Amino acid sequence: QVQVVESGGGLVQPGGSLRLSCVASGRTFSSYYMSWFRQAPGKEREFVAGINWGGTVYADSVKGRFTISRDNAKNTVYLQMNSLKPEDTAVYYCNAQVAPRNDYWGQGTQVTVSS
C-alpha cells in the first residue's frame, strides 16, 4: 500500500502563484508515474500534469503556467502554479501509478483563485 499526501493549497489572487507538494511512500518512488489531477465543483476530475523518468506532460489549459517536478530522494513531486486564474480553482489530487497496475490517490488539497 502506498500512502499519498498532498499539501500547499490555499487562497491566492488571480495572477498569483502556489506550489503544491505530494509525498508518496515506498522504496521505489523513482519508478512511480506521478501526476496531478483536479476537480472543480460540478465537474469531472481532469488530468493536469504528469512526470516520470521519460519526461513531463501537461494539459493544454496549464501549459506554460504550471511546472511539475520531482525529488526522488524525498519521495516528493511538486506542482508549481504561476499566473493562476479563477478557472484554476479546484481540489487538486496527487496520483501515484505503481507497477504493475496499482493506482493510489491522495485526499486532495483545495486551491482557490479569487480576488
PDB file of N, CA and C in Angstrom:
ATOM      1  N   GLN A   1       0.845  -1.194   0.000  1.00  0.00           N
ATOM      2  CA  GLN A   1       0.000   0.000   0.000  1.00  0.00           C
ATOM      3  C   GLN A   1       0.879   1.243   0.000  1.00  0.00           C
ATOM      4  N   VAL A   2       0.586   2.162  -0.894  1.00  0.00           N
ATOM      5  CA  VAL A   2       1.330   3.419  -0.986  1.00  0.00           C
ATOM      6  C   VAL A   2       0.463   4.540  -0.415  1.00  0.00           C
ATOM      7  N   GLN A   3       1.030   5.302   0.488  1.00  0.00           N
ATOM      8  CA  GLN A   3       0.330   6.452   1.043  1.00  0.00           C
ATOM      9  C   GLN A   3       0.715   7.693   0.247  1.00  0.00           C
ATOM     10  N   VAL A   4      -0.295   8.498  -0.091  1.00  0.00           N
ATOM     11  CA  VAL A   4      -0.066   9.716  -0.872  1.00  0.00           C
ATOM     12  C   VAL A   4      -0.665  10.890  -0.104  1.00  0.00           C
ATOM     13  N   VAL A   5       0.134  11.914   0.119  1.00  0.00           N
ATOM     14  CA  VAL A   5      -0.325  13.059   0.911  1.00  0.00           C
ATOM     15  C   VAL A   5       0.064  14.362   0.214  1.00  0.00           C
ATOM     16  N   GLU A   6      -0.961  15.167  -0.096  1.00  0.00           N
ATOM     17  CA  GLU A   6      -0.727  16.466  -0.726  1.00  0.00           C
ATOM     18  C   GLU A   6      -0.706  17.577   0.318  1.00  0.00           C
ATOM     19  N   SER A   7      -0.076  18.686  -0.035  1.00  0.00           N
ATOM     20  CA  SER A   7      -0.090  19.884   0.802  1.00  0.00           C
ATOM     21  C   SER A   7       0.193  21.098  -0.076  1.00  0.00           C
ATOM     22  N   GLY A   8      -0.072  22.285   0.479  1.00  0.00           N
ATOM     23  CA  GLY A   8       0.302  23.505  -0.209  1.00  0.00           C
ATOM     24  C   GLY A   8      -0.828  24.301  -0.821  1.00  0.00           C
ATOM     25  N   GLY A   9      -2.051  23.795  -0.731  1.00  0.00           N
ATOM     26  CA  GLY A   9      -3.167  24.543  -1.287  1.00  0.00           C
ATOM     27  C   GLY A   9      -3.477  25.791  -0.463  1.00  0.00           C
ATOM     28  N   GLY A  10      -4.390  26.612  -1.002  1.00  0.00           N
ATOM     29  CA  GLY A  10      -4.772  27.810  -0.280  1.00  0.00           C
ATOM     30  C   GLY A  10      -5.511  28.781  -1.166  1.00  0.00           C
ATOM     31  N   LEU A  11      -5.661  29.988  -0.660  1.00  0.00           N
ATOM     32  CA  LEU A  11      -6.338  31.068  -1.377  1.00  0.00           C
ATOM     33  C   LEU A  11      -5.285  32.000  -1.962  1.00  0.00           C
ATOM     34  N   VAL A  12      -5.425  32.317  -3.240  1.00  0.00           N
ATOM     35  CA  VAL A  12      -4.471  33.186  -3.916  1.00  0.00           C
ATOM     36  C   VAL A  12      -5.229  34.091  -4.880  1.00  0.00           C
ATOM     37  N   GLN A  13      -4.698  35.284  -5.093  1.00  0.00           N
ATOM     38  CA  GLN A  13      -5.330  36.215  -6.024  1.00  0.00           C
ATOM     39  C   GLN A  13      -5.004  35.835  -7.468  1.00  0.00           C
ATOM     40  N   PRO A  14      -5.862  36.219  -8.401  1.00  0.00           N
ATOM     41  CA  PRO A  14      -5.543  35.980  -9.817  1.00  0.00           C
ATOM     42  C   PRO A  14      -4.182  36.568 -10.178  1.00  0.00           C
ATOM     43  N   GLY A  15      -3.412  35.795 -10.944  1.00  0.00           N
ATOM     44  CA  GLY A  15      -2.062  36.196 -11.291  1.00  0.00           C
ATOM     45  C   GLY A  15      -1.008  35.733 -10.316  1.00  0.00           C
ATOM     46  N   GLY A  16      -1.435  35.217  -9.191  1.00  0.00           N
ATOM     47  CA  GLY A  16      -0.506  34.762  -8.163  1.00  0.00           C
ATOM     48  C   GLY A  16       0.028  33.368  -8.416  1.00  0.00           C
ATOM     49  N   SER A  17       0.814  32.890  -7.446  1.00  0.00           N
ATOM     50  CA  SER A  17       1.465  31.584  -7.566  1.00  0.00           C
ATOM     51  C   SER A  17       1.252  30.752  -6.308  1.00  0.00           C
ATOM     52  N   LEU A  18       1.288  29.451  -6.492  1.00  0.00           N
ATOM     53  CA  LEU A  18       1.267  28.492  -5.399  1.00  0.00           C
ATOM     54  C   LEU A  18       2.127  27.310  -5.805  1.00  0.00           C
ATOM     55  N   ARG A  19       2.702  26.638  -4.805  1.00  0.00           N
ATOM     56  CA  ARG A  19       3.399  25.386  -5.076  1.00  0.00           C
ATOM     57  C   ARG A  19       2.785  24.282  -4.230  1.00  0.00           C
ATOM     58  N   LEU A  20       2.308  23.255  -4.921  1.00  0.00           N
ATOM     59  CA  LEU A  20       1.769  22.080  -4.248  1.00  0.00           C
ATOM     60  C   LEU A  20       2.867  21.029  -4.104  1.00  0.00           C
ATOM     61  N   SER A  21       2.788  20.279  -3.017  1.00  0.00           N
ATOM     62  CA  SER A  21       3.718  19.176  -2.780  1.00  0.00           C
ATOM     63  C   SER A  21       2.922  17.893  -2.563  1.00  0.00           C
ATOM     64  N   CYS A  22       3.540  16.795  -2.924  1.00  0.00           N
ATOM     65  CA  CYS A  22       2.908  15.484  -2.732  1.00  0.00           C
ATOM     66  C   CYS A  22       3.995  14.493  -2.347  1.00  0.00           C
ATOM     67  N   VAL A  23       3.810  13.865  -1.216  1.00  0.00           N
ATOM     68  CA  VAL A  23       4.742  12.839  -0.751  1.00  0.00           C
ATOM     69  C   VAL A  23       4.081  11.474  -0.897  1.00  0.00           C
ATOM     70  N   ALA A  24       4.800  10.544  -1.514  1.00  0.00           N
ATOM     71  CA  ALA A  24       4.303   9.176  -1.665  1.00  0.00           C
ATOM     72  C   ALA A  24       5.263   8.214  -0.972  1.00  0.00           C
ATOM     73  N   SER A  25       4.718   7.265  -0.238  1.00  0.00           N
ATOM     74  CA  SER A  25       5.572   6.318   0.481  1.00  0.00           C
ATOM     75  C   SER A  25       6.089   5.239  -0.459  1.00  0.00           C
ATOM     76  N   GLY A  26       7.063   4.487   0.021  1.00  0.00           N
ATOM     77  CA  GLY A  26       7.584   3.359  -0.746  1.00  0.00           C
ATOM     78  C   GLY A  26       9.049   3.531  -1.088  1.00  0.00           C
ATOM     79  N   ARG A  27       9.699   2.372  -1.263  1.00  0.00           N
ATOM     80  CA  ARG A  27      11.141   2.362  -1.515  1.00  0.00           C
ATOM     81  C   ARG A  27      11.491   2.557  -2.981  1.00  0.00           C
ATOM     82  N   THR A  28      10.481   2.419  -3.848  1.00  0.00           N
ATOM     83  CA  THR A  28      10.764   2.508  -5.283  1.00  0.00           C
ATOM     84  C   THR A  28      10.076   3.719  -5.900  1.00  0.00           C
ATOM     85  N   PHE A  29      10.043   4.820  -5.159  1.00  0.00           N
ATOM     86  CA  PHE A  29       9.352   6.023  -5.624  1.00  0.00           C
ATOM     87  C   PHE A  29       9.827   6.453  -7.012  1.00  0.00           C
ATOM     88  N   SER A  30      11.100   6.302  -7.278  1.00  0.00           N
ATOM     89  CA  SER A  30      11.642   6.781  -8.553  1.00  0.00           C
ATOM     90  C   SER A  30      11.004   6.076  -9.745  1.00  0.00           C
ATOM     91  N   SER A  31      10.399   4.921  -9.526  1.00  0.00           N
ATOM     92  CA  SER A  31       9.757   4.186 -10.615  1.00  0.00           C
ATOM     93  C   SER A  31       8.271   4.525 -10.757  1.00  0.00           C
ATOM     94  N   TYR A  32       7.714   5.301  -9.829  1.00  0.00           N
ATOM     95  CA  TYR A  32       6.295   5.636  -9.898  1.00  0.00           C
ATOM     96  C   TYR A  32       6.063   6.675 -10.990  1.00  0.00           C
ATOM     97  N   TYR A  33       4.962   6.511 -11.712  1.00  0.00           N
ATOM     98  CA  TYR A  33       4.499   7.607 -12.553  1.00  0.00           C
ATOM     99  C   TYR A  33       3.644   8.500 -11.675  1.00  0.00           C
ATOM    100  N   MET A  34       4.041   9.752 -11.510  1.00  0.00           N
ATOM    101  CA  MET A  34       3.342  10.681 -10.637  1.00  0.00           C
ATOM    102  C   MET A  34       2.591  11.720 -11.460  1.00  0.00           C
ATOM    103  N   SER A  35       1.398  12.032 -11.031  1.00  0.00           N
ATOM    104  CA  SER A  35       0.626  13.019 -11.766  1.00  0.00           C
ATOM    105  C   SER A  35      -0.281  13.811 -10.834  1.00  0.00           C
ATOM    106  N   TRP A  36      -0.729  14.935 -11.352  1.00  0.00           N
ATOM    107  CA  TRP A  36      -1.687  15.788 -10.662  1.00  0.00           C
ATOM    108  C   TRP A  36      -2.971  15.843 -11.472  1.00  0.00           C
ATOM    109  N   PHE A  37      -4.076  15.771 -10.757  1.00  0.00           N
ATOM    110  CA  PHE A  37      -5.402  15.945 -11.327  1.00  0.00           C
ATOM    111  C   PHE A  37      -6.100  17.042 -10.529  1.00  0.00           C
ATOM    112  N   ARG A  38      -7.209  17.526 -11.071  1.00  0.00           N
ATOM    113  CA  ARG A  38      -8.004  18.489 -10.313  1.00  0.00           C
ATOM    114  C   ARG A  38      -9.480  18.276 -10.609  1.00  0.00           C
ATOM    115  N   GLN A  39     -10.287  18.705  -9.648  1.00  0.00           N
ATOM    116  CA  GLN A  39     -11.731  18.589  -9.814  1.00  0.00           C
ATOM    117  C   GLN A  39     -12.393  19.843  -9.277  1.00  0.00           C
ATOM    118  N   ALA A  40     -13.050  20.557 -10.180  1.00  0.00           N
ATOM    119  CA  ALA A  40     -13.797  21.760  -9.813  1.00  0.00           C
ATOM    120  C   ALA A  40     -15.226  21.359  -9.457  1.00  0.00           C
ATOM    121  N   PRO A  41     -15.924  22.193  -8.688  1.00  0.00           N
ATOM    122  CA  PRO A  41     -17.305  21.861  -8.309  1.00  0.00           C
ATOM    123  C   PRO A  41     -18.175  21.618  -9.537  1.00  0.00           C
ATOM    124  N   GLY A  42     -18.885  20.512  -9.518  1.00  0.00           N
ATOM    125  CA  GLY A  42     -19.804  20.190 -10.603  1.00  0.00           C
ATOM    126  C   GLY A  42     -19.145  19.672 -11.862  1.00  0.00           C
ATOM    127  N   LYS A  43     -17.824  19.466 -11.809  1.00  0.00           N
ATOM    128  CA  LYS A  43     -17.104  18.976 -12.994  1.00  0.00           C
ATOM    129  C   LYS A  43     -16.407  17.658 -12.692  1.00  0.00           C
ATOM    130  N   GLU A  44     -16.030  16.970 -13.761  1.00  0.00           N
ATOM    131  CA  GLU A  44     -15.296  15.725 -13.594  1.00  0.00           C
ATOM    132  C   GLU A  44     -13.828  16.014 -13.272  1.00  0.00           C
ATOM    133  N   ARG A  45     -13.209  15.034 -12.653  1.00  0.00           N
ATOM    134  CA  ARG A  45     -11.782  15.145 -12.371  1.00  0.00           C
ATOM    135  C   ARG A  45     -11.018  15.148 -13.694  1.00  0.00           C
ATOM    136  N   GLU A  46     -10.030  16.049 -13.814  1.00  0.00           N
ATOM    137  CA  GLU A  46      -9.283  16.150 -15.052  1.00  0.00           C
ATOM    138  C   GLU A  46      -7.776  16.108 -14.791  1.00  0.00           C
ATOM    139  N   PHE A  47      -7.065  15.580 -15.778  1.00  0.00           N
ATOM    140  CA  PHE A  47      -5.618  15.500 -15.718  1.00  0.00           C
ATOM    141  C   PHE A  47      -5.013  16.900 -15.829  1.00  0.00           C
ATOM    142  N   VAL A  48      -3.960  17.151 -15.028  1.00  0.00           N
ATOM    143  CA  VAL A  48      -3.271  18.430 -15.072  1.00  0.00           C
ATOM    144  C   VAL A  48      -1.845  18.265 -15.603  1.00  0.00           C
ATOM    145  N   ALA A  49      -1.073  17.363 -14.976  1.00  0.00           N
ATOM    146  CA  ALA A  49       0.326  17.185 -15.368  1.00  0.00           C
ATOM    147  C   ALA A  49       0.827  15.850 -14.854  1.00  0.00           C
ATOM    148  N   GLY A  50       1.817  15.279 -15.552  1.00  0.00           N
ATOM    149  CA  GLY A  50       2.407  14.012 -15.140  1.00  0.00           C
ATOM    150  C   GLY A  50       3.906  14.004 -15.387  1.00  0.00           C
ATOM    151  N   ILE A  51       4.602  13.139 -14.628  1.00  0.00           N
ATOM    152  CA  ILE A  51       6.053  13.074 -14.749  1.00  0.00           C
ATOM    153  C   ILE A  51       6.558  11.672 -14.437  1.00  0.00           C
ATOM    154  N   ASN A  52       7.505  11.215 -15.260  1.00  0.00           N
ATOM    155  CA  ASN A  52       8.260  10.014 -14.936  1.00  0.00           C
ATOM    156  C   ASN A  52       9.670  10.208 -15.466  1.00  0.00           C
ATOM    157  N   TRP A  53      10.428   9.122 -15.544  1.00  0.00           N
ATOM    158  CA  TRP A  53      11.819   9.262 -15.982  1.00  0.00           C
ATOM    159  C   TRP A  53      11.916   9.729 -17.419  1.00  0.00           C
ATOM    160  N   GLY A  54      10.818   9.521 -18.160  1.00  0.00           N
ATOM    161  CA  GLY A  54      10.844   9.870 -19.578  1.00  0.00           C
ATOM    162  C   GLY A  54      10.542  11.331 -19.860  1.00  0.00           C
ATOM    163  N   GLY A  55      10.016  12.043 -18.878  1.00  0.00           N
ATOM    164  CA  GLY A  55       9.705  13.425 -19.107  1.00  0.00           C
ATOM    165  C   GLY A  55       8.410  13.845 -18.475  1.00  0.00           C
ATOM    166  N   THR A  56       7.879  14.960 -18.962  1.00  0.00           N
ATOM    167  CA  THR A  56       6.666  15.551 -18.396  1.00  0.00           C
ATOM    168  C   THR A  56       5.612  15.741 -19.477  1.00  0.00           C
ATOM    169  N   VAL A  57       4.377  15.821 -19.030  1.00  0.00           N
ATOM    170  CA  VAL A  57       3.268  16.094 -19.941  1.00  0.00           C
ATOM    171  C   VAL A  57       2.279  16.977 -19.208  1.00  0.00           C
ATOM    172  N   TYR A  58       1.630  17.886 -19.952  1.00  0.00           N
ATOM    173  CA  TYR A  58       0.719  18.855 -19.351  1.00  0.00           C
ATOM    174  C   TYR A  58      -0.585  18.917 -20.133  1.00  0.00           C
ATOM    175  N   ALA A  59      -1.647  19.254 -19.412  1.00  0.00           N
ATOM    176  CA  ALA A  59      -2.893  19.598 -20.072  1.00  0.00           C
ATOM    177  C   ALA A  59      -2.703  20.924 -20.792  1.00  0.00           C
ATOM    178  N   ASP A  60      -3.403  21.087 -21.899  1.00  0.00           N
ATOM    179  CA  ASP A  60      -3.270  22.337 -22.673  1.00  0.00           C
ATOM    180  C   ASP A  60      -3.614  23.561 -21.830  1.00  0.00           C
ATOM    181  N   SER A  61      -4.558  23.393 -20.927  1.00  0.00           N
ATOM    182  CA  SER A  61      -5.042  24.529 -20.141  1.00  0.00           C
ATOM    183  C   SER A  61      -3.998  25.084 -19.172  1.00  0.00           C
ATOM    184  N   VAL A  62      -2.942  24.317 -18.889  1.00  0.00           N
ATOM    185  CA  VAL A  62      -1.945  24.773 -17.917  1.00  0.00           C
ATOM    186  C   VAL A  62      -0.547  24.918 -18.514  1.00  0.00           C
ATOM    187  N   LYS A  63      -0.385  24.549 -19.772  1.00  0.00           N
ATOM    188  CA  LYS A  63       0.938  24.644 -20.398  1.00  0.00           C
ATOM    189  C   LYS A  63       1.471  26.069 -20.340  1.00  0.00           C
ATOM    190  N   GLY A  64       2.740  26.181 -19.968  1.00  0.00           N
ATOM    191  CA  GLY A  64       3.356  27.493 -19.878  1.00  0.00           C
ATOM    192  C   GLY A  64       3.123  28.198 -18.558  1.00  0.00           C
ATOM    193  N   ARG A  65       2.216  27.687 -17.735  1.00  0.00           N
ATOM    194  CA  ARG A  65       1.930  28.303 -16.435  1.00  0.00           C
ATOM    195  C   ARG A  65       2.295  27.380 -15.265  1.00  0.00           C
ATOM    196  N   PHE A  66       2.108  26.099 -15.453  1.00  0.00           N
ATOM    197  CA  PHE A  66       2.367  25.112 -14.396  1.00  0.00           C
ATOM    198  C   PHE A  66       3.615  24.313 -14.748  1.00  0.00           C
ATOM    199  N   THR A  67       4.349  23.914 -13.700  1.00  0.00           N
ATOM    200  CA  THR A  67       5.520  23.070 -13.879  1.00  0.00           C
ATOM    201  C   THR A  67       5.500  21.950 -12.858  1.00  0.00           C
ATOM    202  N   ILE A  68       5.595  20.716 -13.351  1.00  0.00           N
ATOM    203  CA  ILE A  68       5.676  19.565 -12.460  1.00  0.00           C
ATOM    204  C   ILE A  68       7.135  19.134 -12.355  1.00  0.00           C
ATOM    205  N   SER A  69       7.537  18.758 -11.154  1.00  0.00           N
ATOM    206  CA  SER A  69       8.906  18.289 -10.942  1.00  0.00           C
ATOM    207  C   SER A  69       8.896  17.269  -9.803  1.00  0.00           C
ATOM    208  N   ARG A  70      10.005  16.574  -9.629  1.00  0.00           N
ATOM    209  CA  ARG A  70      10.065  15.577  -8.570  1.00  0.00           C
ATOM    210  C   ARG A  70      11.450  15.537  -7.953  1.00  0.00           C
ATOM    211  N   ASP A  71      11.481  15.145  -6.693  1.00  0.00           N
ATOM    212  CA  ASP A  71      12.725  14.928  -5.965  1.00  0.00           C
ATOM    213  C   ASP A  71      12.659  13.498  -5.434  1.00  0.00           C
ATOM    214  N   ASN A  72      13.309  12.592  -6.131  1.00  0.00           N
ATOM    215  CA  ASN A  72      13.203  11.182  -5.760  1.00  0.00           C
ATOM    216  C   ASN A  72      13.837  10.889  -4.395  1.00  0.00           C
ATOM    217  N   ALA A  73      14.827  11.688  -4.005  1.00  0.00           N
ATOM    218  CA  ALA A  73      15.457  11.490  -2.693  1.00  0.00           C
ATOM    219  C   ALA A  73      14.484  11.792  -1.555  1.00  0.00           C
ATOM    220  N   LYS A  74      13.484  12.621  -1.852  1.00  0.00           N
ATOM    221  CA  LYS A  74      12.490  12.998  -0.831  1.00  0.00           C
ATOM    222  C   LYS A  74      11.128  12.365  -1.076  1.00  0.00           C
ATOM    223  N   ASN A  75      11.033  11.476  -2.065  1.00  0.00           N
ATOM    224  CA  ASN A  75       9.741  10.853  -2.411  1.00  0.00           C
ATOM    225  C   ASN A  75       8.657  11.910  -2.642  1.00  0.00           C
ATOM    226  N   THR A  76       9.018  12.992  -3.300  1.00  0.00           N
ATOM    227  CA  THR A  76       8.116  14.129  -3.420  1.00  0.00           C
ATOM    228  C   THR A  76       7.989  14.590  -4.868  1.00  0.00           C
ATOM    229  N   VAL A  77       6.780  14.949  -5.233  1.00  0.00           N
ATOM    230  CA  VAL A  77       6.519  15.584  -6.514  1.00  0.00           C
ATOM    231  C   VAL A  77       5.885  16.943  -6.230  1.00  0.00           C
ATOM    232  N   TYR A  78       6.215  17.917  -7.064  1.00  0.00           N
ATOM    233  CA  TYR A  78       5.750  19.284  -6.876  1.00  0.00           C
ATOM    234  C   TYR A  78       4.934  19.738  -8.082  1.00  0.00           C
ATOM    235  N   LEU A  79       4.066  20.698  -7.847  1.00  0.00           N
ATOM    236  CA  LEU A  79       3.366  21.374  -8.928  1.00  0.00           C
ATOM    237  C   LEU A  79       3.472  22.872  -8.663  1.00  0.00           C
ATOM    238  N   GLN A  80       4.342  23.528  -9.425  1.00  0.00           N
ATOM    239  CA  GLN A  80       4.475  24.974  -9.330  1.00  0.00           C
ATOM    240  C   GLN A  80       3.441  25.602 -10.238  1.00  0.00           C
ATOM    241  N   MET A  81       2.580  26.420  -9.666  1.00  0.00           N
ATOM    242  CA  MET A  81       1.483  27.017 -10.428  1.00  0.00           C
ATOM    243  C   MET A  81       1.665  28.529 -10.439  1.00  0.00           C
ATOM    244  N   ASN A  82       1.872  29.071 -11.627  1.00  0.00           N
ATOM    245  CA  ASN A  82       2.053  30.515 -11.802  1.00  0.00           C
ATOM    246  C   ASN A  82       0.910  31.085 -12.638  1.00  0.00           C
ATOM    247  N   SER A  83       0.778  32.396 -12.601  1.00  0.00           N
ATOM    248  CA  SER A  83      -0.259  33.084 -13.389  1.00  0.00           C
ATOM    249  C   SER A  83      -1.620  32.428 -13.190  1.00  0.00           C
ATOM    250  N   LEU A  84      -1.962  32.201 -11.955  1.00  0.00           N
ATOM    251  CA  LEU A  84      -3.208  31.492 -11.659  1.00  0.00           C
ATOM    252  C   LEU A  84      -4.430  32.288 -12.070  1.00  0.00           C
ATOM    253  N   LYS A  85      -5.443  31.546 -12.511  1.00  0.00           N
ATOM    254  CA  LYS A  85      -6.696  32.129 -12.977  1.00  0.00           C
ATOM    255  C   LYS A  85      -7.843  31.597 -12.110  1.00  0.00           C
ATOM    256  N   PRO A  86      -8.957  32.318 -12.062  1.00  0.00           N
ATOM    257  CA  PRO A  86     -10.103  31.809 -11.293  1.00  0.00           C
ATOM    258  C   PRO A  86     -10.532  30.413 -11.737  1.00  0.00           C
ATOM    259  N   GLU A  87     -10.378  30.119 -13.005  1.00  0.00           N
ATOM    260  CA  GLU A  87     -10.771  28.792 -13.505  1.00  0.00           C
ATOM    261  C   GLU A  87      -9.834  27.680 -13.060  1.00  0.00           C
ATOM    262  N   ASP A  88      -8.741  28.026 -12.408  1.00  0.00           N
ATOM    263  CA  ASP A  88      -7.864  27.002 -11.824  1.00  0.00           C
ATOM    264  C   ASP A  88      -8.364  26.552 -10.453  1.00  0.00           C
ATOM    265  N   THR A  89      -9.396  27.213  -9.955  1.00  0.00           N
ATOM    266  CA  THR A  89      -9.961  26.844  -8.657  1.00  0.00           C
ATOM    267  C   THR A  89     -10.497  25.410  -8.701  1.00  0.00           C
ATOM    268  N   ALA A  90     -10.016  24.585  -7.779  1.00  0.00           N
ATOM    269  CA  ALA A  90     -10.401  23.171  -7.755  1.00  0.00           C
ATOM    270  C   ALA A  90      -9.738  22.498  -6.559  1.00  0.00           C
ATOM    271  N   VAL A  91     -10.158  21.277  -6.304  1.00  0.00           N
ATOM    272  CA  VAL A  91      -9.395  20.408  -5.410  1.00  0.00           C
ATOM    273  C   VAL A  91      -8.361  19.690  -6.266  1.00  0.00           C
ATOM    274  N   TYR A  92      -7.115  19.781  -5.852  1.00  0.00           N
ATOM    275  CA  TYR A  92      -6.019  19.167  -6.594  1.00  0.00           C
ATOM    276  C   TYR A  92      -5.626  17.852  -5.925  1.00  0.00           C
ATOM    277  N   TYR A  93      -5.549  16.807  -6.742  1.00  0.00           N
ATOM    278  CA  TYR A  93      -5.235  15.472  -6.247  1.00  0.00           C
ATOM    279  C   TYR A  93      -3.931  14.981  -6.854  1.00  0.00           C
ATOM    280  N   CYS A  94      -3.155  14.312  -6.041  1.00  0.00           N
ATOM    281  CA  CYS A  94      -1.932  13.675  -6.494  1.00  0.00           C
ATOM    282  C   CYS A  94      -2.206  12.190  -6.715  1.00  0.00           C
ATOM    283  N   ASN A  95      -1.647  11.664  -7.783  1.00  0.00           N
ATOM    284  CA  ASN A  95      -1.840  10.255  -8.122  1.00  0.00           C
ATOM    285  C   ASN A  95      -0.500   9.574  -8.322  1.00  0.00           C
ATOM    286  N   ALA A  96      -0.369   8.374  -7.758  1.00  0.00           N
ATOM    287  CA  ALA A  96       0.831   7.566  -7.956  1.00  0.00           C
ATOM    288  C   ALA A  96       0.446   6.291  -8.682  1.00  0.00           C
ATOM    289  N   GLN A  97       1.038   6.066  -9.834  1.00  0.00           N
ATOM    290  CA  GLN A  97       0.840   4.818 -10.558  1.00  0.00           C
ATOM    291  C   GLN A  97       2.050   3.939 -10.300  1.00  0.00           C
ATOM    292  N   VAL A  98       1.767   2.766  -9.716  1.00  0.00           N
ATOM    293  CA  VAL A  98       2.827   1.859  -9.303  1.00  0.00           C
ATOM    294  C   VAL A  98       2.658   0.552 -10.051  1.00  0.00           C
ATOM    295  N   ALA A  99       3.736   0.125 -10.710  1.00  0.00           N
ATOM    296  CA  ALA A  99       3.672  -1.118 -11.476  1.00  0.00           C
ATOM    297  C   ALA A  99       3.309  -2.288 -10.570  1.00  0.00           C
ATOM    298  N   PRO A 100       2.546  -3.297 -11.097  1.00  0.00           N
ATOM    299  CA  PRO A 100       2.137  -3.373 -12.489  1.00  0.00           C
ATOM    300  C   PRO A 100       0.889  -2.563 -12.829  1.00  0.00           C
ATOM    301  N   ARG A 101      -0.089  -2.474 -11.922  1.00  0.00           N
ATOM    302  CA  ARG A 101      -1.331  -1.777 -12.286  1.00  0.00           C
ATOM    303  C   ARG A 101      -2.000  -1.163 -11.080  1.00  0.00           C
ATOM    304  N   ASN A 102      -1.232  -0.600 -10.181  1.00  0.00           N
ATOM    305  CA  ASN A 102      -1.819  -0.047  -8.969  1.00  0.00           C
ATOM    306  C   ASN A 102      -1.860   1.471  -9.024  1.00  0.00           C
ATOM    307  N   ASP A 103      -2.972   1.994  -8.534  1.00  0.00           N
ATOM    308  CA  ASP A 103      -3.246   3.418  -8.577  1.00  0.00           C
ATOM    309  C   ASP A 103      -3.534   3.902  -7.163  1.00  0.00           C
ATOM    310  N   TYR A 104      -2.835   4.960  -6.722  1.00  0.00           N
ATOM    311  CA  TYR A 104      -3.060   5.478  -5.384  1.00  0.00           C
ATOM    312  C   TYR A 104      -3.314   6.977  -5.452  1.00  0.00           C
ATOM    313  N   TRP A 105      -4.297   7.420  -4.644  1.00  0.00           N
ATOM    314  CA  TRP A 105      -4.693   8.825  -4.643  1.00  0.00           C
ATOM    315  C   TRP A 105      -4.500   9.431  -3.258  1.00  0.00           C
ATOM    316  N   GLY A 106      -4.203  10.728  -3.250  1.00  0.00           N
ATOM    317  CA  GLY A 106      -4.203  11.469  -2.006  1.00  0.00           C
ATOM    318  C   GLY A 106      -5.602  11.972  -1.691  1.00  0.00           C
ATOM    319  N   GLN A 107      -5.708  12.693  -0.595  1.00  0.00           N
ATOM    320  CA  GLN A 107      -7.009  13.169  -0.137  1.00  0.00           C
ATOM    321  C   GLN A 107      -7.406  14.486  -0.804  1.00  0.00           C
ATOM    322  N   GLY A 108      -6.458  15.123  -1.469  1.00  0.00           N
ATOM    323  CA  GLY A 108      -6.745  16.372  -2.170  1.00  0.00           C
ATOM    324  C   GLY A 108      -6.404  17.597  -1.346  1.00  0.00           C
ATOM    325  N   THR A 109      -6.103  18.680  -2.056  1.00  0.00           N
ATOM    326  CA  THR A 109      -5.845  19.955  -1.404  1.00  0.00           C
ATOM    327  C   THR A 109      -6.553  21.058  -2.197  1.00  0.00           C
ATOM    328  N   GLN A 110      -7.238  21.938  -1.492  1.00  0.00           N
ATOM    329  CA  GLN A 110      -8.063  22.958  -2.145  1.00  0.00           C
ATOM    330  C   GLN A 110      -7.203  24.122  -2.609  1.00  0.00           C
ATOM    331  N   VAL A 111      -7.415  24.511  -3.857  1.00  0.00           N
ATOM    332  CA  VAL A 111      -6.806  25.719  -4.408  1.00  0.00           C
ATOM    333  C   VAL A 111      -7.940  26.645  -4.836  1.00  0.00           C
ATOM    334  N   THR A 112      -7.943  27.860  -4.303  1.00  0.00           N
ATOM    335  CA  THR A 112      -8.962  28.837  -4.637  1.00  0.00           C
ATOM    336  C   THR A 112      -8.283  30.092  -5.167  1.00  0.00           C
ATOM    337  N   VAL A 113      -8.664  30.479  -6.375  1.00  0.00           N
ATOM    338  CA  VAL A 113      -8.102  31.676  -7.004  1.00  0.00           C
ATOM    339  C   VAL A 113      -9.213  32.720  -7.072  1.00  0.00           C
ATOM    340  N   SER A 114      -9.067  33.751  -6.268  1.00  0.00           N
ATOM    341  CA  SER A 114     -10.132  34.748  -6.168  1.00  0.00           C
ATOM    342  C   SER A 114      -9.570  36.049  -5.613  1.00  0.00           C
ATOM    343  N   SER A 115     -10.160  37.143  -6.069  1.00  0.00           N
ATOM    344  CA  SER A 115      -9.769  38.445  -5.524  1.00  0.00           C
ATOM    345  C   SER A 115     -10.691  38.836  -4.359  1.00  0.00           C
TER     346      SER A 115
END
